[in-house]
Amino acid sequence: MAKDSSFDVVSEVDLQEVDNAYQQTVREISQRYDLKGSGASIDFSKPERSLIIQAPADFVARQVLDILNSKLIKRGIDLNAVSWDAPQAAAGGTVRVSGRIVEGIDQATAKRINKEIRDQKLKVKVTIEGDKLRVSSASKDALQQVITYLRGQDYGQPLQFTNYR
């Protein structure tokens, strides 16, 4: 009997790259003429995997968010990896926007991905292992079809395919 091939479906974010994008954003905020001295700031906490933007107005907060998004894209981080809350009014008439880094596939999304793969009627076996999925099959072509299918879907977070063997 032929040995099964498999791969893992994961959702991971390189926190060092996010930190680099954050540092570049801080530098640009301090140097841009329209943001210098405006009171806009951004904070990043690696352990909590959270970003907080504080700005004097919603417009300025959106500018800072645009700068951060451009830096994330340049560093290869998918924008779906950051989940942003709605802007909230803060003390002194300022605006605060909170975001968190989305890592791992939650159970509801994993079950949805599992069901959609099974609905494709391919001869593959999907197992949910914590915050990742393992897809295995005797046919490497079936695994390639699953990867192609998943790349075309939107699950609200970036998916990577690792440990292909």
C-alpha atoms as a PDB file:
ATOM      1  CA  MET A   1       0.000   0.000   0.000  1.00  0.00           C
ATOM      2  CA  ALA A   2       1.289   3.451  -0.888  1.00  0.00           C
ATOM      3  CA  LYS A   3       2.158   5.780   1.924  1.00  0.00           C
ATOM      4  CA  ASP A   4      -0.219   8.711   2.370  1.00  0.00           C
ATOM      5  CA  SER A   5       1.041  12.190   1.596  1.00  0.00           C
ATOM      6  CA  SER A   6      -0.106  15.080   3.738  1.00  0.00           C
ATOM      7  CA  PHE A   7       0.164  18.786   4.503  1.00  0.00           C
ATOM      8  CA  ASP A   8      -0.939  21.087   7.308  1.00  0.00           C
ATOM      9  CA  VAL A   9      -3.237  24.086   6.952  1.00  0.00           C
ATOM     10  CA  VAL A  10      -2.138  26.727   9.470  1.00  0.00           C
ATOM     11  CA  SER A  11      -2.596  30.429  10.119  1.00  0.00           C
ATOM     12  CA  GLU A  12       0.636  31.932  11.413  1.00  0.00           C
ATOM     13  CA  VAL A  13       2.031  35.461  11.519  1.00  0.00           C
ATOM     14  CA  ASP A  14       5.706  36.375  11.806  1.00  0.00           C
ATOM     15  CA  LEU A  15       5.616  38.700  14.837  1.00  0.00           C
ATOM     16  CA  GLN A  16       9.105  39.997  14.102  1.00  0.00           C
ATOM     17  CA  GLU A  17       7.931  41.285  10.732  1.00  0.00           C
ATOM     18  CA  VAL A  18       4.900  42.901  12.404  1.00  0.00           C
ATOM     19  CA  ASP A  19       7.287  44.529  14.910  1.00  0.00           C
ATOM     20  CA  ASN A  20       9.466  45.800  12.049  1.00  0.00           C
ATOM     21  CA  ALA A  21       6.402  47.287  10.304  1.00  0.00           C
ATOM     22  CA  TYR A  22       5.380  48.889  13.621  1.00  0.00           C
ATOM     23  CA  GLN A  23       8.848  50.445  14.073  1.00  0.00           C
ATOM     24  CA  GLN A  24       8.766  51.841  10.523  1.00  0.00           C
ATOM     25  CA  THR A  25       5.296  53.269  11.149  1.00  0.00           C
ATOM     26  CA  VAL A  26       6.456  55.000  14.345  1.00  0.00           C
ATOM     27  CA  ARG A  27       9.397  56.498  12.440  1.00  0.00           C
ATOM     28  CA  GLU A  28       7.156  57.723   9.617  1.00  0.00           C
ATOM     29  CA  ILE A  29       4.653  59.282  12.055  1.00  0.00           C
ATOM     30  CA  SER A  30       7.478  61.261  13.672  1.00  0.00           C
ATOM     31  CA  GLN A  31       8.818  62.436  10.286  1.00  0.00           C
ATOM     32  CA  ARG A  32       5.729  63.175   8.176  1.00  0.00           C
ATOM     33  CA  TYR A  33       4.873  66.864   8.140  1.00  0.00           C
ATOM     34  CA  ASP A  34       1.113  66.278   8.405  1.00  0.00           C
ATOM     35  CA  LEU A  35       1.439  63.872  11.368  1.00  0.00           C
ATOM     36  CA  LYS A  36       4.427  65.376  13.209  1.00  0.00           C
ATOM     37  CA  GLY A  37       3.212  66.886  16.466  1.00  0.00           C
ATOM     38  CA  SER A  38      -0.389  65.863  15.817  1.00  0.00           C
ATOM     39  CA  GLY A  39      -0.531  63.631  18.886  1.00  0.00           C
ATOM     40  CA  ALA A  40      -0.976  60.475  16.826  1.00  0.00           C
ATOM     41  CA  SER A  41       0.722  57.374  18.215  1.00  0.00           C
ATOM     42  CA  ILE A  42       0.753  53.627  17.794  1.00  0.00           C
ATOM     43  CA  ASP A  43       1.643  50.907  20.308  1.00  0.00           C
ATOM     44  CA  PHE A  44       2.432  47.242  19.716  1.00  0.00           C
ATOM     45  CA  SER A  45       2.517  44.515  22.360  1.00  0.00           C
ATOM     46  CA  LYS A  46       4.165  41.278  21.220  1.00  0.00           C
ATOM     47  CA  PRO A  47       3.005  39.132  24.176  1.00  0.00           C
ATOM     48  CA  GLU A  48      -0.608  40.292  23.828  1.00  0.00           C
ATOM     49  CA  ARG A  49      -0.394  40.384  20.012  1.00  0.00           C
ATOM     50  CA  SER A  50      -2.224  43.723  19.959  1.00  0.00           C
ATOM     51  CA  LEU A  51      -1.891  47.077  18.228  1.00  0.00           C
ATOM     52  CA  ILE A  52      -3.412  50.328  19.524  1.00  0.00           C
ATOM     53  CA  ILE A  53      -3.618  53.535  17.502  1.00  0.00           C
ATOM     54  CA  GLN A  54      -4.378  56.797  19.314  1.00  0.00           C
ATOM     55  CA  ALA A  55      -5.073  59.949  17.345  1.00  0.00           C
ATOM     56  CA  PRO A  56      -6.769  63.329  17.826  1.00  0.00           C
ATOM     57  CA  ALA A  57      -9.359  62.550  15.116  1.00  0.00           C
ATOM     58  CA  ASP A  58     -10.756  59.618  13.179  1.00  0.00           C
ATOM     59  CA  PHE A  59      -9.185  60.951   9.963  1.00  0.00           C
ATOM     60  CA  VAL A  60      -5.697  60.953  11.517  1.00  0.00           C
ATOM     61  CA  ALA A  61      -6.250  57.443  12.931  1.00  0.00           C
ATOM     62  CA  ARG A  62      -7.130  56.223   9.437  1.00  0.00           C
ATOM     63  CA  GLN A  63      -3.942  57.829   8.069  1.00  0.00           C
ATOM     64  CA  VAL A  64      -1.845  55.997  10.665  1.00  0.00           C
ATOM     65  CA  LEU A  65      -3.700  52.762   9.846  1.00  0.00           C
ATOM     66  CA  ASP A  66      -2.973  53.265   6.133  1.00  0.00           C
ATOM     67  CA  ILE A  67       0.732  53.766   6.886  1.00  0.00           C
ATOM     68  CA  LEU A  68       0.813  50.602   9.010  1.00  0.00           C
ATOM     69  CA  ASN A  69      -1.050  48.603   6.360  1.00  0.00           C
ATOM     70  CA  SER A  70       1.412  49.683   3.654  1.00  0.00           C
ATOM     71  CA  LYS A  71       4.348  48.648   5.868  1.00  0.00           C
ATOM     72  CA  LEU A  72       2.713  45.276   6.627  1.00  0.00           C
ATOM     73  CA  ILE A  73       2.156  44.603   2.927  1.00  0.00           C
ATOM     74  CA  LYS A  74       5.782  45.442   2.113  1.00  0.00           C
ATOM     75  CA  ARG A  75       6.878  42.949   4.777  1.00  0.00           C
ATOM     76  CA  GLY A  76       4.680  40.150   3.386  1.00  0.00           C
ATOM     77  CA  ILE A  77       2.036  40.156   6.139  1.00  0.00           C
ATOM     78  CA  ASP A  78      -1.530  39.568   4.945  1.00  0.00           C
ATOM     79  CA  LEU A  79      -3.866  42.360   6.101  1.00  0.00           C
ATOM     80  CA  ASN A  80      -6.419  39.744   7.183  1.00  0.00           C
ATOM     81  CA  ALA A  81      -3.937  38.777   9.895  1.00  0.00           C
ATOM     82  CA  VAL A  82      -4.927  41.896  11.868  1.00  0.00           C
ATOM     83  CA  SER A  83      -8.492  42.224  13.140  1.00  0.00           C
ATOM     84  CA  TRP A  84      -9.386  45.886  13.807  1.00  0.00           C
ATOM     85  CA  ASP A  85     -12.137  47.071  16.141  1.00  0.00           C
ATOM     86  CA  ALA A  86     -14.315  50.100  15.416  1.00  0.00           C
ATOM     87  CA  PRO A  87     -12.817  53.464  16.437  1.00  0.00           C
ATOM     88  CA  GLN A  88     -13.715  54.407  20.004  1.00  0.00           C
ATOM     89  CA  ALA A  89     -13.821  57.837  21.615  1.00  0.00           C
ATOM     90  CA  ALA A  90     -11.089  58.206  24.231  1.00  0.00           C
ATOM     91  CA  ALA A  91     -10.223  60.813  26.851  1.00  0.00           C
ATOM     92  CA  GLY A  92      -9.601  64.374  25.703  1.00  0.00           C
ATOM     93  CA  GLY A  93     -11.580  64.051  22.478  1.00  0.00           C
ATOM     94  CA  THR A  94      -9.129  61.580  20.974  1.00  0.00           C
ATOM     95  CA  VAL A  95      -9.861  58.397  19.065  1.00  0.00           C
ATOM     96  CA  ARG A  96      -8.519  54.931  19.873  1.00  0.00           C
ATOM     97  CA  VAL A  97      -8.478  52.026  17.418  1.00  0.00           C
ATOM     98  CA  SER A  98      -7.522  48.586  18.732  1.00  0.00           C
ATOM     99  CA  GLY A  99      -6.383  45.644  16.669  1.00  0.00           C
ATOM    100  CA  ARG A 100      -5.238  42.140  17.421  1.00  0.00           C
ATOM    101  CA  ILE A 101      -3.103  39.694  15.485  1.00  0.00           C
ATOM    102  CA  VAL A 102      -5.121  36.632  14.421  1.00  0.00           C
ATOM    103  CA  GLU A 103      -3.135  33.411  14.723  1.00  0.00           C
ATOM    104  CA  GLY A 104      -4.303  29.831  14.675  1.00  0.00           C
ATOM    105  CA  ILE A 105      -7.493  28.492  13.179  1.00  0.00           C
ATOM    106  CA  ASP A 106     -10.391  28.529  15.632  1.00  0.00           C
ATOM    107  CA  GLN A 107     -12.690  25.500  15.914  1.00  0.00           C
ATOM    108  CA  ALA A 108     -15.611  27.051  14.015  1.00  0.00           C
ATOM    109  CA  THR A 109     -13.420  27.994  11.047  1.00  0.00           C
ATOM    110  CA  ALA A 110     -11.666  24.607  11.142  1.00  0.00           C
ATOM    111  CA  LYS A 111     -15.012  22.786  10.990  1.00  0.00           C
ATOM    112  CA  ARG A 112     -16.134  25.029   8.115  1.00  0.00           C
ATOM    113  CA  ILE A 113     -12.910  24.341   6.166  1.00  0.00           C
ATOM    114  CA  ASN A 114     -13.266  20.597   6.886  1.00  0.00           C
ATOM    115  CA  LYS A 115     -16.866  20.573   5.607  1.00  0.00           C
ATOM    116  CA  GLU A 116     -15.990  22.533   2.465  1.00  0.00           C
ATOM    117  CA  ILE A 117     -13.107  20.172   1.647  1.00  0.00           C
ATOM    118  CA  ARG A 118     -15.407  17.155   2.111  1.00  0.00           C
ATOM    119  CA  ASP A 119     -17.999  18.822  -0.155  1.00  0.00           C
ATOM    120  CA  GLN A 120     -15.387  18.813  -2.955  1.00  0.00           C
ATOM    121  CA  LYS A 121     -15.726  14.992  -3.091  1.00  0.00           C
ATOM    122  CA  LEU A 122     -11.969  14.460  -3.255  1.00  0.00           C
ATOM    123  CA  LYS A 123     -10.365  11.367  -1.758  1.00  0.00           C
ATOM    124  CA  VAL A 124      -8.700  13.153   1.134  1.00  0.00           C
ATOM    125  CA  LYS A 125      -8.867  12.803   4.893  1.00  0.00           C
ATOM    126  CA  VAL A 126      -9.001  15.965   7.024  1.00  0.00           C
ATOM    127  CA  THR A 127      -8.243  15.940  10.744  1.00  0.00           C
ATOM    128  CA  ILE A 128      -8.447  18.934  13.066  1.00  0.00           C
ATOM    129  CA  GLU A 129      -5.408  19.078  15.360  1.00  0.00           C
ATOM    130  CA  GLY A 130      -5.755  21.997  17.768  1.00  0.00           C
ATOM    131  CA  ASP A 131      -5.351  25.209  15.784  1.00  0.00           C
ATOM    132  CA  LYS A 132      -4.368  23.536  12.499  1.00  0.00           C
ATOM    133  CA  LEU A 133      -5.764  21.011  10.037  1.00  0.00           C
ATOM    134  CA  ARG A 134      -3.933  18.031   8.566  1.00  0.00           C
ATOM    135  CA  VAL A 135      -5.019  16.943   5.094  1.00  0.00           C
ATOM    136  CA  SER A 136      -3.808  13.536   3.912  1.00  0.00           C
ATOM    137  CA  SER A 137      -4.366  11.412   0.848  1.00  0.00           C
ATOM    138  CA  ALA A 138      -2.691   8.706  -1.205  1.00  0.00           C
ATOM    139  CA  SER A 139      -2.919  10.999  -4.241  1.00  0.00           C
ATOM    140  CA  LYS A 140      -0.673  14.069  -4.372  1.00  0.00           C
ATOM    141  CA  ASP A 141      -2.918  15.437  -7.118  1.00  0.00           C
ATOM    142  CA  ALA A 142      -5.879  15.457  -4.703  1.00  0.00           C
ATOM    143  CA  LEU A 143      -3.768  17.382  -2.182  1.00  0.00           C
ATOM    144  CA  GLN A 144      -2.850  19.928  -4.857  1.00  0.00           C
ATOM    145  CA  GLN A 145      -6.535  20.336  -5.707  1.00  0.00           C
ATOM    146  CA  VAL A 146      -7.330  20.993  -2.026  1.00  0.00           C
ATOM    147  CA  ILE A 147      -4.581  23.644  -1.814  1.00  0.00           C
ATOM    148  CA  THR A 148      -5.847  25.314  -4.985  1.00  0.00           C
ATOM    149  CA  TYR A 149      -9.411  25.261  -3.666  1.00  0.00           C
ATOM    150  CA  LEU A 150      -8.455  26.729  -0.263  1.00  0.00           C
ATOM    151  CA  ARG A 151      -6.401  29.510  -1.875  1.00  0.00           C
ATOM    152  CA  GLY A 152      -9.538  30.615  -3.713  1.00  0.00           C
ATOM    153  CA  GLN A 153     -11.618  30.844  -0.529  1.00  0.00           C
ATOM    154  CA  ASP A 154     -11.797  33.644   2.067  1.00  0.00           C
ATOM    155  CA  TYR A 155     -11.920  32.598   5.708  1.00  0.00           C
ATOM    156  CA  GLY A 156     -11.154  36.009   7.202  1.00  0.00           C
ATOM    157  CA  GLN A 157      -7.561  35.081   7.999  1.00  0.00           C
ATOM    158  CA  PRO A 158      -4.508  34.106   5.987  1.00  0.00           C
ATOM    159  CA  LEU A 159      -3.870  30.387   5.485  1.00  0.00           C
ATOM    160  CA  GLN A 160      -0.477  28.783   4.906  1.00  0.00           C
ATOM    161  CA  PHE A 161       0.258  25.245   3.795  1.00  0.00           C
ATOM    162  CA  THR A 162       3.182  23.618   5.612  1.00  0.00           C
ATOM    163  CA  ASN A 163       4.787  20.194   6.080  1.00  0.00           C
ATOM    164  CA  TYR A 164       3.920  19.010   2.589  1.00  0.00           C
ATOM    165  CA  ARG A 165       5.205  15.447   2.380  1.00  0.00           C
END
